[in-house]
Amino acid sequence: MPTSEAETTVNTNIAAEPVTTDVLTYQSIIDSANEIVVGFVERIPYFIASIIVILIFWFLSIVFKKWYTNF
């Protein structure tokens, strides 16, 4: 079964070194930023839908205002 290059190459020296708190802090910051970006991207369709709804009601208000002033 074929495997990717990342799975076949393992450096045992890196795996044996202890992980410092700076690396863990940096990784925590990166993970948090990644979650924020993913959350924003997931909500983009809702933002677009809300803008469309606002524009529809704004347009309807203009139409009804013109229609009402003609009477």
Protein backbone atom coordinates (compact mmCIF):
# COMPACT_ATOMS: atom_id res chain seq x y z
CA MET A 1 0.00 0.00 0.00
CA PRO A 2 1.53 3.38 -0.94
CA THR A 3 2.33 5.84 1.83
CA SER A 4 3.08 9.53 1.76
CA GLU A 5 6.63 10.82 2.23
CA ALA A 6 5.70 12.35 5.57
CA GLU A 7 4.85 8.93 6.94
CA THR A 8 8.00 7.23 5.70
CA THR A 9 10.57 9.72 7.00
CA VAL A 10 10.92 9.92 10.77
CA ASN A 11 13.73 11.68 12.58
CA THR A 12 14.33 9.93 15.90
CA ASN A 13 16.47 12.78 17.26
CA ILE A 14 13.59 15.23 17.12
CA ALA A 15 11.19 12.79 18.78
CA ALA A 16 13.59 12.26 21.70
CA GLU A 17 14.01 15.98 22.53
CA PRO A 18 11.67 17.42 25.16
CA VAL A 19 9.17 20.04 24.04
CA THR A 20 9.70 23.45 25.65
CA THR A 21 6.92 25.63 27.03
CA ASP A 22 7.68 28.27 24.37
CA VAL A 23 6.84 25.79 21.65
CA LEU A 24 3.64 24.78 23.42
CA THR A 25 2.65 28.43 23.89
CA TYR A 26 3.34 29.20 20.23
CA GLN A 27 1.35 26.14 19.14
CA SER A 28 -1.54 27.17 21.39
CA ILE A 29 -1.58 30.66 19.84
CA ILE A 30 -1.49 29.21 16.33
CA ASP A 31 -4.31 26.78 17.14
CA SER A 32 -6.44 29.59 18.56
CA ALA A 33 -5.84 31.81 15.53
CA ASN A 34 -6.64 28.91 13.22
CA GLU A 35 -9.94 28.28 15.02
CA ILE A 36 -10.85 31.96 14.71
CA VAL A 37 -10.16 31.95 10.97
CA VAL A 38 -12.06 28.69 10.44
CA GLY A 39 -15.01 30.04 12.43
CA PHE A 40 -15.07 33.21 10.35
CA VAL A 41 -14.90 31.31 7.06
CA GLU A 42 -17.73 29.03 8.19
CA ARG A 43 -19.94 32.08 8.84
CA ILE A 44 -19.30 33.86 5.51
CA PRO A 45 -22.43 32.36 3.86
CA TYR A 46 -24.55 33.66 6.75
CA PHE A 47 -23.01 37.13 6.39
CA ILE A 48 -23.79 37.12 2.68
CA ALA A 49 -27.36 35.95 3.32
CA SER A 50 -27.88 38.68 5.92
CA ILE A 51 -26.60 41.35 3.54
CA ILE A 52 -28.97 40.09 0.85
CA VAL A 53 -31.93 40.22 3.26
CA ILE A 54 -31.02 43.74 4.35
CA LEU A 55 -30.75 44.87 0.73
CA ILE A 56 -34.14 43.31 -0.12
CA PHE A 57 -35.90 45.11 2.72
CA TRP A 58 -34.09 48.36 1.92
CA PHE A 59 -35.19 48.10 -1.69
CA LEU A 60 -38.77 47.29 -0.61
CA SER A 61 -38.80 50.33 1.68
CA ILE A 62 -37.78 52.54 -1.23
CA VAL A 63 -40.45 51.03 -3.48
CA PHE A 64 -43.22 51.38 -0.88
CA LYS A 65 -42.13 54.92 -0.02
CA LYS A 66 -42.42 55.95 -3.67
CA TRP A 67 -45.71 54.09 -4.03
CA TYR A 68 -47.12 55.73 -0.88
CA THR A 69 -46.10 59.27 -1.88
CA ASN A 70 -47.85 58.88 -5.26
CA PHE A 71 -51.24 58.63 -3.50
